[in-house]
Amino acid sequence: MARFVRPVRGKPTSLLAPRLKSHCVSSSLESQRSLQRHPPAGGRDKMSLSQELLTNDILTYQLSAKRNDNNTVFQVELTAHHEAVIYASHLPNYNTFKVHVDNRANIMTSPNSKIPNQTARQSFKILLSNPRIKVSWVKVHTGNIGNERADQLAKDATQPGQPHSLTKLSKPRIKRLLQKSMLEEWQTSWKNGDTGRKIYNIMPSVSLRPANRIREDVIFFSQHGPSPAYLKRFHLSDSDYCSCGGICTALHYATECIYTVSWHMRKPVPNFEQEWMKRVANNLISRQKICRIVKFISENRDLFRPP
């Protein structure tokens, strides 16, 4: 008798092949698993678990079910291994069985009572109470008769219309899903917001990783700094003009002001200031010039005060 338990995702690639063999009877019990990538309708990958029971190479039982898209590969492998252990535990007690696995992670979890994974702990309890069930490693793709049958059954399980099997999500997976949802909500808020548009023009995408922008970059691109135009917005200055006669904007300091001529850049044509800011923000040499301009303004505020 042989039984094949197979998680699937994509092309037929055997990852796990537990093999259960009865040493007290002439028939044998085998369980195999493989993982495939199979893109179904809609372009979304599906993972499935399939089971086959063969008696003397004749199919006598089969079962297949889809796994949730949010279940991890390791969860599917553990589930298939767990199903094989459960099946062996329900067989007559006078038979002894070996579960052959080609995945080292599953072998390491079998004798570990402290592993946090609930499925792995349940498998451990079954193995502990059933000494006749042994777990060991076996090599896959060795011409096993049930390999192709389990591959096809697992592939068929990814098609529409098959039942879904419920498996709890792991804590790391839940954290990743929550983080993804948070980033999507944050991105929508950042995109549709009314404030911070100058920074949005340069950094349109949100991220949990620091942008590593220096102080001078933030002052220049946000235009929040010790310039008369910024101070006038908060009624801290009566004029927004520079002592050279121009209106104190970031573009003025970088392209027109006579006091910063040593670090001037080419002035953009009208209506292309945002594109100019993007190019400057992404250019190392331009940012170095911006850094020197902002430092010079901060160190010589009296020079830039309006007359």
C-alpha atoms as a PDB file:
ATOM      1  CA  MET A   1       0.000   0.000   0.000  1.00  0.00           C
ATOM      2  CA  ALA A   2       1.376   3.431  -0.864  1.00  0.00           C
ATOM      3  CA  ARG A   3       0.171   6.910  -0.075  1.00  0.00           C
ATOM      4  CA  PHE A   4       1.449  10.148  -1.551  1.00  0.00           C
ATOM      5  CA  VAL A   5       1.104  13.515   0.181  1.00  0.00           C
ATOM      6  CA  ARG A   6       2.197  16.357  -2.045  1.00  0.00           C
ATOM      7  CA  PRO A   7       2.200  20.180  -1.668  1.00  0.00           C
ATOM      8  CA  VAL A   8       2.356  21.911  -5.058  1.00  0.00           C
ATOM      9  CA  ARG A   9       3.388  25.240  -6.488  1.00  0.00           C
ATOM     10  CA  GLY A  10       4.443  25.560 -10.189  1.00  0.00           C
ATOM     11  CA  LYS A  11       6.611  23.173 -12.173  1.00  0.00           C
ATOM     12  CA  PRO A  12       7.021  19.615 -10.835  1.00  0.00           C
ATOM     13  CA  THR A  13       9.915  19.850  -8.407  1.00  0.00           C
ATOM     14  CA  SER A  14      10.097  17.279  -5.637  1.00  0.00           C
ATOM     15  CA  LEU A  15      11.028  18.870  -2.344  1.00  0.00           C
ATOM     16  CA  LEU A  16       9.726  16.427   0.208  1.00  0.00           C
ATOM     17  CA  ALA A  17       9.167  12.703  -0.073  1.00  0.00           C
ATOM     18  CA  PRO A  18       8.150  11.043   3.146  1.00  0.00           C
ATOM     19  CA  ARG A  19       8.025   7.287   2.686  1.00  0.00           C
ATOM     20  CA  LEU A  20       6.133   5.003   5.020  1.00  0.00           C
ATOM     21  CA  LYS A  21       6.988   1.330   4.800  1.00  0.00           C
ATOM     22  CA  SER A  22       5.498  -1.533   6.774  1.00  0.00           C
ATOM     23  CA  HIS A  23       8.101  -4.080   7.807  1.00  0.00           C
ATOM     24  CA  CYS A  24       5.591  -6.601   9.222  1.00  0.00           C
ATOM     25  CA  VAL A  25       3.545  -7.156   6.090  1.00  0.00           C
ATOM     26  CA  SER A  26       4.397  -7.789   2.454  1.00  0.00           C
ATOM     27  CA  SER A  27       2.784  -4.575   1.199  1.00  0.00           C
ATOM     28  CA  SER A  28       4.409  -1.175   1.610  1.00  0.00           C
ATOM     29  CA  LEU A  29       3.075   2.214   2.559  1.00  0.00           C
ATOM     30  CA  GLU A  30       4.683   5.228   0.917  1.00  0.00           C
ATOM     31  CA  SER A  31       4.071   8.959   1.199  1.00  0.00           C
ATOM     32  CA  GLN A  32       5.647  11.501  -1.124  1.00  0.00           C
ATOM     33  CA  ARG A  33       5.470  15.293  -1.436  1.00  0.00           C
ATOM     34  CA  SER A  34       6.698  17.747  -4.016  1.00  0.00           C
ATOM     35  CA  LEU A  35       6.390  21.498  -4.482  1.00  0.00           C
ATOM     36  CA  GLN A  36       5.446  23.115  -7.785  1.00  0.00           C
ATOM     37  CA  ARG A  37       4.691  26.533  -9.181  1.00  0.00           C
ATOM     38  CA  HIS A  38       1.525  26.460 -11.193  1.00  0.00           C
ATOM     39  CA  PRO A  39      -0.014  29.832 -12.167  1.00  0.00           C
ATOM     40  CA  PRO A  40      -3.782  29.342 -12.363  1.00  0.00           C
ATOM     41  CA  ALA A  41      -6.386  31.596 -13.940  1.00  0.00           C
ATOM     42  CA  GLY A  42      -5.975  35.140 -12.705  1.00  0.00           C
ATOM     43  CA  GLY A  43      -2.174  35.003 -12.564  1.00  0.00           C
ATOM     44  CA  ARG A  44      -1.964  34.156  -8.862  1.00  0.00           C
ATOM     45  CA  ASP A  45       0.131  31.243  -7.622  1.00  0.00           C
ATOM     46  CA  LYS A  46      -1.700  28.563  -5.673  1.00  0.00           C
ATOM     47  CA  MET A  47      -0.339  25.985  -3.265  1.00  0.00           C
ATOM     48  CA  SER A  48      -2.091  22.671  -2.903  1.00  0.00           C
ATOM     49  CA  LEU A  49      -1.829  19.473  -0.907  1.00  0.00           C
ATOM     50  CA  SER A  50      -2.603  16.113  -2.484  1.00  0.00           C
ATOM     51  CA  GLN A  51      -2.822  12.587  -1.075  1.00  0.00           C
ATOM     52  CA  GLU A  52      -2.882   9.229  -2.842  1.00  0.00           C
ATOM     53  CA  LEU A  53      -3.319   5.705  -1.545  1.00  0.00           C
ATOM     54  CA  LEU A  54      -2.096   2.879  -3.755  1.00  0.00           C
ATOM     55  CA  THR A  55      -2.380  -0.839  -3.152  1.00  0.00           C
ATOM     56  CA  ASN A  56      -0.045  -2.926  -5.306  1.00  0.00           C
ATOM     57  CA  ASP A  57       0.420   0.076  -7.628  1.00  0.00           C
ATOM     58  CA  ILE A  58      -3.357   0.457  -8.022  1.00  0.00           C
ATOM     59  CA  LEU A  59      -4.941   3.758  -6.983  1.00  0.00           C
ATOM     60  CA  THR A  60      -7.490   3.101  -4.247  1.00  0.00           C
ATOM     61  CA  TYR A  61      -7.826   6.544  -2.641  1.00  0.00           C
ATOM     62  CA  GLN A  62      -6.922  10.144  -3.397  1.00  0.00           C
ATOM     63  CA  LEU A  63      -7.524  13.541  -1.836  1.00  0.00           C
ATOM     64  CA  SER A  64      -6.427  17.025  -2.885  1.00  0.00           C
ATOM     65  CA  ALA A  65      -7.082  20.517  -1.593  1.00  0.00           C
ATOM     66  CA  LYS A  66      -5.816  24.019  -2.203  1.00  0.00           C
ATOM     67  CA  ARG A  67      -3.878  25.890   0.405  1.00  0.00           C
ATOM     68  CA  ASN A  68      -4.455  29.525   1.212  1.00  0.00           C
ATOM     69  CA  ASP A  69      -2.357  31.944  -0.841  1.00  0.00           C
ATOM     70  CA  ASN A  70      -0.987  33.355   2.404  1.00  0.00           C
ATOM     71  CA  ASN A  71       0.327  30.012   3.663  1.00  0.00           C
ATOM     72  CA  THR A  72       4.088  29.636   3.433  1.00  0.00           C
ATOM     73  CA  VAL A  73       5.931  26.826   1.665  1.00  0.00           C
ATOM     74  CA  PHE A  74       7.237  25.546   5.000  1.00  0.00           C
ATOM     75  CA  GLN A  75       3.684  25.369   6.350  1.00  0.00           C
ATOM     76  CA  VAL A  76       2.558  23.280   3.384  1.00  0.00           C
ATOM     77  CA  GLU A  77       5.541  20.951   3.777  1.00  0.00           C
ATOM     78  CA  LEU A  78       4.864  20.536   7.485  1.00  0.00           C
ATOM     79  CA  THR A  79       1.176  19.911   6.813  1.00  0.00           C
ATOM     80  CA  ALA A  80       1.940  17.180   4.283  1.00  0.00           C
ATOM     81  CA  HIS A  81       4.409  15.591   6.699  1.00  0.00           C
ATOM     82  CA  HIS A  82       1.856  15.872   9.496  1.00  0.00           C
ATOM     83  CA  GLU A  83      -0.808  14.174   7.366  1.00  0.00           C
ATOM     84  CA  ALA A  84       1.565  11.300   6.646  1.00  0.00           C
ATOM     85  CA  VAL A  85       2.277  10.855  10.367  1.00  0.00           C
ATOM     86  CA  ILE A  86      -1.437  10.943  11.216  1.00  0.00           C
ATOM     87  CA  TYR A  87      -2.189   8.363   8.550  1.00  0.00           C
ATOM     88  CA  ALA A  88       0.514   6.037   9.869  1.00  0.00           C
ATOM     89  CA  SER A  89      -0.742   6.436  13.446  1.00  0.00           C
ATOM     90  CA  HIS A  90      -4.195   5.173  12.438  1.00  0.00           C
ATOM     91  CA  LEU A  91      -2.874   1.971  10.900  1.00  0.00           C
ATOM     92  CA  PRO A  92      -2.809  -1.304  12.885  1.00  0.00           C
ATOM     93  CA  ASN A  93      -0.462  -1.230  15.855  1.00  0.00           C
ATOM     94  CA  TYR A  94       1.320  -4.428  14.832  1.00  0.00           C
ATOM     95  CA  ASN A  95       2.881  -2.643  11.833  1.00  0.00           C
ATOM     96  CA  THR A  96       6.024  -0.534  12.061  1.00  0.00           C
ATOM     97  CA  PHE A  97       6.632   2.325   9.641  1.00  0.00           C
ATOM     98  CA  LYS A  98       9.410   4.591   8.430  1.00  0.00           C
ATOM     99  CA  VAL A  99       8.639   8.117   7.245  1.00  0.00           C
ATOM    100  CA  HIS A 100      11.383   9.089   4.795  1.00  0.00           C
ATOM    101  CA  VAL A 101      11.788  12.845   4.287  1.00  0.00           C
ATOM    102  CA  ASP A 102      14.132  14.704   1.916  1.00  0.00           C
ATOM    103  CA  ASN A 103      13.688  18.045   3.707  1.00  0.00           C
ATOM    104  CA  ARG A 104      16.115  18.545   6.576  1.00  0.00           C
ATOM    105  CA  ALA A 105      13.971  21.225   8.243  1.00  0.00           C
ATOM    106  CA  ASN A 106      11.108  18.780   8.658  1.00  0.00           C
ATOM    107  CA  ILE A 107      13.440  16.162  10.115  1.00  0.00           C
ATOM    108  CA  MET A 108      14.779  18.700  12.616  1.00  0.00           C
ATOM    109  CA  THR A 109      11.271  19.656  13.749  1.00  0.00           C
ATOM    110  CA  SER A 110      10.082  16.087  14.298  1.00  0.00           C
ATOM    111  CA  PRO A 111      12.043  15.419  17.550  1.00  0.00           C
ATOM    112  CA  ASN A 112      11.811  19.014  18.811  1.00  0.00           C
ATOM    113  CA  SER A 113       9.184  19.516  21.517  1.00  0.00           C
ATOM    114  CA  LYS A 114       9.944  23.239  21.929  1.00  0.00           C
ATOM    115  CA  ILE A 115       9.331  24.346  18.358  1.00  0.00           C
ATOM    116  CA  PRO A 116       6.649  27.100  18.296  1.00  0.00           C
ATOM    117  CA  ASN A 117       4.921  25.746  15.183  1.00  0.00           C
ATOM    118  CA  GLN A 118       1.644  24.094  16.211  1.00  0.00           C
ATOM    119  CA  THR A 119       1.634  21.557  13.358  1.00  0.00           C
ATOM    120  CA  ALA A 120       5.187  20.485  14.178  1.00  0.00           C
ATOM    121  CA  ARG A 121       4.291  20.081  17.872  1.00  0.00           C
ATOM    122  CA  GLN A 122       1.316  17.910  16.988  1.00  0.00           C
ATOM    123  CA  SER A 123       3.522  15.728  14.796  1.00  0.00           C
ATOM    124  CA  PHE A 124       5.996  15.442  17.682  1.00  0.00           C
ATOM    125  CA  LYS A 125       3.263  14.271  20.069  1.00  0.00           C
ATOM    126  CA  ILE A 126       2.073  11.646  17.590  1.00  0.00           C
ATOM    127  CA  LEU A 127       5.609  10.362  17.032  1.00  0.00           C
ATOM    128  CA  LEU A 128       6.237  10.335  20.784  1.00  0.00           C
ATOM    129  CA  SER A 129       3.144   8.235  21.446  1.00  0.00           C
ATOM    130  CA  ASN A 130       3.779   5.946  18.449  1.00  0.00           C
ATOM    131  CA  PRO A 131       7.343   4.585  18.645  1.00  0.00           C
ATOM    132  CA  ARG A 132       6.590   2.317  15.681  1.00  0.00           C
ATOM    133  CA  ILE A 133       6.705   5.398  13.385  1.00  0.00           C
ATOM    134  CA  LYS A 134      10.253   6.473  12.495  1.00  0.00           C
ATOM    135  CA  VAL A 135      11.385   9.517  10.504  1.00  0.00           C
ATOM    136  CA  SER A 136      14.486   9.473   8.297  1.00  0.00           C
ATOM    137  CA  TRP A 137      15.851  11.060   5.113  1.00  0.00           C
ATOM    138  CA  VAL A 138      15.354   9.695   1.596  1.00  0.00           C
ATOM    139  CA  LYS A 139      16.531  10.849  -1.824  1.00  0.00           C
ATOM    140  CA  VAL A 140      13.896  12.023  -4.296  1.00  0.00           C
ATOM    141  CA  HIS A 141      13.660  11.571  -8.096  1.00  0.00           C
ATOM    142  CA  THR A 142      14.778   7.967  -7.937  1.00  0.00           C
ATOM    143  CA  GLY A 143      12.078   6.535 -10.191  1.00  0.00           C
ATOM    144  CA  ASN A 144       9.450   6.056  -7.504  1.00  0.00           C
ATOM    145  CA  ILE A 145       6.236   4.789  -9.061  1.00  0.00           C
ATOM    146  CA  GLY A 146       4.018   7.246  -7.184  1.00  0.00           C
ATOM    147  CA  ASN A 147       6.024  10.341  -8.032  1.00  0.00           C
ATOM    148  CA  GLU A 148       4.369  11.190 -11.356  1.00  0.00           C
ATOM    149  CA  ARG A 149       0.898  10.356 -10.063  1.00  0.00           C
ATOM    150  CA  ALA A 150       1.298  12.673  -7.086  1.00  0.00           C
ATOM    151  CA  ASP A 151       2.723  15.422  -9.325  1.00  0.00           C
ATOM    152  CA  GLN A 152      -0.322  15.345 -11.585  1.00  0.00           C
ATOM    153  CA  LEU A 153      -2.776  15.159  -8.698  1.00  0.00           C
ATOM    154  CA  ALA A 154      -1.116  18.102  -6.979  1.00  0.00           C
ATOM    155  CA  LYS A 155      -1.152  20.084 -10.219  1.00  0.00           C
ATOM    156  CA  ASP A 156      -4.854  19.345 -10.716  1.00  0.00           C
ATOM    157  CA  ALA A 157      -5.541  20.557  -7.181  1.00  0.00           C
ATOM    158  CA  THR A 158      -4.515  24.095  -8.169  1.00  0.00           C
ATOM    159  CA  GLN A 159      -7.308  24.341 -10.742  1.00  0.00           C
ATOM    160  CA  PRO A 160     -10.546  26.231  -9.945  1.00  0.00           C
ATOM    161  CA  GLY A 161     -13.284  24.300  -8.242  1.00  0.00           C
ATOM    162  CA  GLN A 162     -11.119  22.350  -5.811  1.00  0.00           C
ATOM    163  CA  PRO A 163     -11.879  22.715  -2.075  1.00  0.00           C
ATOM    164  CA  HIS A 164      -9.651  24.845   0.110  1.00  0.00           C
ATOM    165  CA  SER A 165      -7.991  23.384   3.165  1.00  0.00           C
ATOM    166  CA  LEU A 166      -7.761  25.586   6.237  1.00  0.00           C
ATOM    167  CA  THR A 167      -4.340  26.136   7.783  1.00  0.00           C
ATOM    168  CA  LYS A 168      -3.553  28.804  10.357  1.00  0.00           C
ATOM    169  CA  LEU A 169      -1.134  31.479   9.258  1.00  0.00           C
ATOM    170  CA  SER A 170       2.242  31.662  10.949  1.00  0.00           C
ATOM    171  CA  LYS A 171       3.118  34.674  13.098  1.00  0.00           C
ATOM    172  CA  PRO A 172       5.874  35.896  10.721  1.00  0.00           C
ATOM    173  CA  ARG A 173       3.414  35.658   7.827  1.00  0.00           C
ATOM    174  CA  ILE A 174       0.790  37.636   9.751  1.00  0.00           C
ATOM    175  CA  LYS A 175       3.389  40.294  10.538  1.00  0.00           C
ATOM    176  CA  ARG A 176       4.332  40.557   6.864  1.00  0.00           C
ATOM    177  CA  LEU A 177       0.681  40.837   5.815  1.00  0.00           C
ATOM    178  CA  LEU A 178       0.029  43.555   8.400  1.00  0.00           C
ATOM    179  CA  GLN A 179       3.167  45.388   7.349  1.00  0.00           C
ATOM    180  CA  LYS A 180       2.134  45.193   3.698  1.00  0.00           C
ATOM    181  CA  SER A 181      -1.336  46.515   4.520  1.00  0.00           C
ATOM    182  CA  MET A 182       0.155  49.335   6.589  1.00  0.00           C
ATOM    183  CA  LEU A 183       2.521  50.348   3.780  1.00  0.00           C
ATOM    184  CA  GLU A 184      -0.315  50.341   1.241  1.00  0.00           C
ATOM    185  CA  GLU A 185      -2.448  52.553   3.482  1.00  0.00           C
ATOM    186  CA  TRP A 186       0.526  54.828   4.155  1.00  0.00           C
ATOM    187  CA  GLN A 187       1.295  55.065   0.424  1.00  0.00           C
ATOM    188  CA  THR A 188      -2.304  56.007  -0.386  1.00  0.00           C
ATOM    189  CA  SER A 189      -2.308  58.668   2.314  1.00  0.00           C
ATOM    190  CA  TRP A 190       1.042  60.042   1.119  1.00  0.00           C
ATOM    191  CA  LYS A 191      -0.099  60.106  -2.517  1.00  0.00           C
ATOM    192  CA  ASN A 192      -3.437  61.817  -1.877  1.00  0.00           C
ATOM    193  CA  GLY A 193      -2.289  64.148   0.894  1.00  0.00           C
ATOM    194  CA  ASP A 194      -2.320  67.939   0.788  1.00  0.00           C
ATOM    195  CA  THR A 195       0.927  68.560   2.655  1.00  0.00           C
ATOM    196  CA  GLY A 196       4.543  67.705   1.946  1.00  0.00           C
ATOM    197  CA  ARG A 197       4.099  67.968  -1.820  1.00  0.00           C
ATOM    198  CA  LYS A 198       7.626  69.267  -2.345  1.00  0.00           C
ATOM    199  CA  ILE A 199       9.066  66.168  -0.696  1.00  0.00           C
ATOM    200  CA  TYR A 200       6.533  63.917  -2.456  1.00  0.00           C
ATOM    201  CA  ASN A 201       7.841  65.207  -5.777  1.00  0.00           C
ATOM    202  CA  ILE A 202      11.277  63.836  -4.851  1.00  0.00           C
ATOM    203  CA  MET A 203      10.256  60.786  -2.808  1.00  0.00           C
ATOM    204  CA  PRO A 204       6.886  59.525  -4.119  1.00  0.00           C
ATOM    205  CA  SER A 205       7.157  56.080  -2.508  1.00  0.00           C
ATOM    206  CA  VAL A 206       7.046  55.370   1.219  1.00  0.00           C
ATOM    207  CA  SER A 207       9.428  52.922   2.833  1.00  0.00           C
ATOM    208  CA  LEU A 208      10.444  51.669   6.264  1.00  0.00           C
ATOM    209  CA  ARG A 209      14.068  52.182   5.325  1.00  0.00           C
ATOM    210  CA  PRO A 210      15.619  55.572   6.155  1.00  0.00           C
ATOM    211  CA  ALA A 211      16.160  57.831   3.153  1.00  0.00           C
ATOM    212  CA  ASN A 212      19.603  58.841   4.515  1.00  0.00           C
ATOM    213  CA  ARG A 213      19.181  62.480   3.536  1.00  0.00           C
ATOM    214  CA  ILE A 214      21.433  64.964   5.280  1.00  0.00           C
ATOM    215  CA  ARG A 215      20.173  68.088   7.041  1.00  0.00           C
ATOM    216  CA  GLU A 216      21.076  70.407   4.168  1.00  0.00           C
ATOM    217  CA  ASP A 217      19.097  68.314   1.680  1.00  0.00           C
ATOM    218  CA  VAL A 218      16.001  68.451   3.880  1.00  0.00           C
ATOM    219  CA  ILE A 219      16.260  72.221   4.294  1.00  0.00           C
ATOM    220  CA  PHE A 220      16.722  72.873   0.582  1.00  0.00           C
ATOM    221  CA  PHE A 221      14.107  70.529  -0.898  1.00  0.00           C
ATOM    222  CA  SER A 222      11.445  71.194   1.761  1.00  0.00           C
ATOM    223  CA  GLN A 223      12.315  74.931   1.723  1.00  0.00           C
ATOM    224  CA  HIS A 224      12.098  74.941   5.514  1.00  0.00           C
ATOM    225  CA  GLY A 225      15.143  76.887   6.549  1.00  0.00           C
ATOM    226  CA  PRO A 226      16.582  80.231   7.596  1.00  0.00           C
ATOM    227  CA  SER A 227      15.534  82.038   4.405  1.00  0.00           C
ATOM    228  CA  PRO A 228      13.456  85.261   4.465  1.00  0.00           C
ATOM    229  CA  ALA A 229      10.688  83.622   2.392  1.00  0.00           C
ATOM    230  CA  TYR A 230      10.267  80.842   4.962  1.00  0.00           C
ATOM    231  CA  LEU A 231      10.466  83.232   7.923  1.00  0.00           C
ATOM    232  CA  LYS A 232       7.805  85.482   6.385  1.00  0.00           C
ATOM    233  CA  ARG A 233       5.349  82.570   6.208  1.00  0.00           C
ATOM    234  CA  PHE A 234       5.423  82.443  10.011  1.00  0.00           C
ATOM    235  CA  HIS A 235       5.455  86.232  10.422  1.00  0.00           C
ATOM    236  CA  LEU A 236       9.056  86.198  11.587  1.00  0.00           C
ATOM    237  CA  SER A 237      10.175  88.512   8.800  1.00  0.00           C
ATOM    238  CA  ASP A 238       8.595  91.491   7.065  1.00  0.00           C
ATOM    239  CA  SER A 239       9.977  90.669   3.636  1.00  0.00           C
ATOM    240  CA  ASP A 240      10.682  87.603   1.535  1.00  0.00           C
ATOM    241  CA  TYR A 241      13.332  89.325  -0.555  1.00  0.00           C
ATOM    242  CA  CYS A 242      17.026  88.552  -0.517  1.00  0.00           C
ATOM    243  CA  SER A 243      19.541  91.347  -0.007  1.00  0.00           C
ATOM    244  CA  CYS A 244      20.497  90.904  -3.666  1.00  0.00           C
ATOM    245  CA  GLY A 245      16.963  91.909  -4.713  1.00  0.00           C
ATOM    246  CA  GLY A 246      15.477  88.524  -5.667  1.00  0.00           C
ATOM    247  CA  ILE A 247      12.768  86.524  -3.902  1.00  0.00           C
ATOM    248  CA  CYS A 248      14.349  84.013  -1.540  1.00  0.00           C
ATOM    249  CA  THR A 249      13.453  80.600  -2.882  1.00  0.00           C
ATOM    250  CA  ALA A 250      15.540  77.456  -3.103  1.00  0.00           C
ATOM    251  CA  LEU A 251      15.742  77.932  -6.858  1.00  0.00           C
ATOM    252  CA  HIS A 252      16.955  81.517  -6.402  1.00  0.00           C
ATOM    253  CA  TYR A 253      19.852  80.489  -4.175  1.00  0.00           C
ATOM    254  CA  ALA A 254      20.877  77.649  -6.491  1.00  0.00           C
ATOM    255  CA  THR A 255      20.714  79.568  -9.786  1.00  0.00           C
ATOM    256  CA  GLU A 256      20.533  83.383  -9.371  1.00  0.00           C
ATOM    257  CA  CYS A 257      21.766  84.782  -6.060  1.00  0.00           C
ATOM    258  CA  ILE A 258      25.026  86.694  -6.470  1.00  0.00           C
ATOM    259  CA  TYR A 259      26.258  85.493  -3.067  1.00  0.00           C
ATOM    260  CA  THR A 260      26.118  81.821  -4.054  1.00  0.00           C
ATOM    261  CA  VAL A 261      27.483  82.160  -7.579  1.00  0.00           C
ATOM    262  CA  SER A 262      30.328  79.713  -6.792  1.00  0.00           C
ATOM    263  CA  TRP A 263      27.815  76.861  -6.595  1.00  0.00           C
ATOM    264  CA  HIS A 264      25.280  77.901  -9.228  1.00  0.00           C
ATOM    265  CA  MET A 265      23.518  75.397 -11.454  1.00  0.00           C
ATOM    266  CA  ARG A 266      21.697  75.919 -14.721  1.00  0.00           C
ATOM    267  CA  LYS A 267      18.270  77.453 -14.200  1.00  0.00           C
ATOM    268  CA  PRO A 268      15.346  75.324 -15.426  1.00  0.00           C
ATOM    269  CA  VAL A 269      12.871  76.605 -17.998  1.00  0.00           C
ATOM    270  CA  PRO A 270       9.468  77.716 -16.641  1.00  0.00           C
ATOM    271  CA  ASN A 271       7.019  74.956 -15.630  1.00  0.00           C
ATOM    272  CA  PHE A 272       9.854  72.421 -15.265  1.00  0.00           C
ATOM    273  CA  GLU A 273      10.970  73.270 -11.745  1.00  0.00           C
ATOM    274  CA  GLN A 274       9.684  69.982 -10.288  1.00  0.00           C
ATOM    275  CA  GLU A 275      11.621  67.916 -12.826  1.00  0.00           C
ATOM    276  CA  TRP A 276      14.686  70.031 -12.100  1.00  0.00           C
ATOM    277  CA  MET A 277      14.333  69.325  -8.381  1.00  0.00           C
ATOM    278  CA  LYS A 278      14.122  65.582  -9.079  1.00  0.00           C
ATOM    279  CA  ARG A 279      17.303  65.618 -11.140  1.00  0.00           C
ATOM    280  CA  VAL A 280      19.161  67.637  -8.524  1.00  0.00           C
ATOM    281  CA  ALA A 281      18.007  65.300  -5.739  1.00  0.00           C
ATOM    282  CA  ASN A 282      19.276  62.266  -7.668  1.00  0.00           C
ATOM    283  CA  ASN A 283      22.619  63.781  -8.656  1.00  0.00           C
ATOM    284  CA  LEU A 284      25.492  63.522  -6.165  1.00  0.00           C
ATOM    285  CA  ILE A 285      27.450  66.521  -7.479  1.00  0.00           C
ATOM    286  CA  SER A 286      24.344  68.716  -7.451  1.00  0.00           C
ATOM    287  CA  ARG A 287      23.556  67.678  -3.881  1.00  0.00           C
ATOM    288  CA  GLN A 288      27.091  68.566  -2.837  1.00  0.00           C
ATOM    289  CA  LYS A 289      26.572  72.058  -4.252  1.00  0.00           C
ATOM    290  CA  ILE A 290      23.244  72.316  -2.421  1.00  0.00           C
ATOM    291  CA  CYS A 291      24.965  71.314   0.820  1.00  0.00           C
ATOM    292  CA  ARG A 292      27.558  74.093   0.432  1.00  0.00           C
ATOM    293  CA  ILE A 293      24.868  76.664  -0.399  1.00  0.00           C
ATOM    294  CA  VAL A 294      22.765  75.855   2.675  1.00  0.00           C
ATOM    295  CA  LYS A 295      25.810  75.852   4.956  1.00  0.00           C
ATOM    296  CA  PHE A 296      26.925  79.193   3.553  1.00  0.00           C
ATOM    297  CA  ILE A 297      23.465  80.709   4.126  1.00  0.00           C
ATOM    298  CA  SER A 298      23.318  79.379   7.698  1.00  0.00           C
ATOM    299  CA  GLU A 299      26.758  80.782   8.514  1.00  0.00           C
ATOM    300  CA  ASN A 300      26.066  84.197   6.928  1.00  0.00           C
ATOM    301  CA  ARG A 301      22.449  85.013   7.711  1.00  0.00           C
ATOM    302  CA  ASP A 302      23.104  88.740   8.032  1.00  0.00           C
ATOM    303  CA  LEU A 303      24.370  88.782   4.456  1.00  0.00           C
ATOM    304  CA  PHE A 304      21.048  87.512   3.119  1.00  0.00           C
ATOM    305  CA  ARG A 305      18.704  89.645   5.212  1.00  0.00           C
ATOM    306  CA  PRO A 306      16.527  92.005   3.157  1.00  0.00           C
ATOM    307  CA  PRO A 307      17.535  95.653   3.189  1.00  0.00           C
END
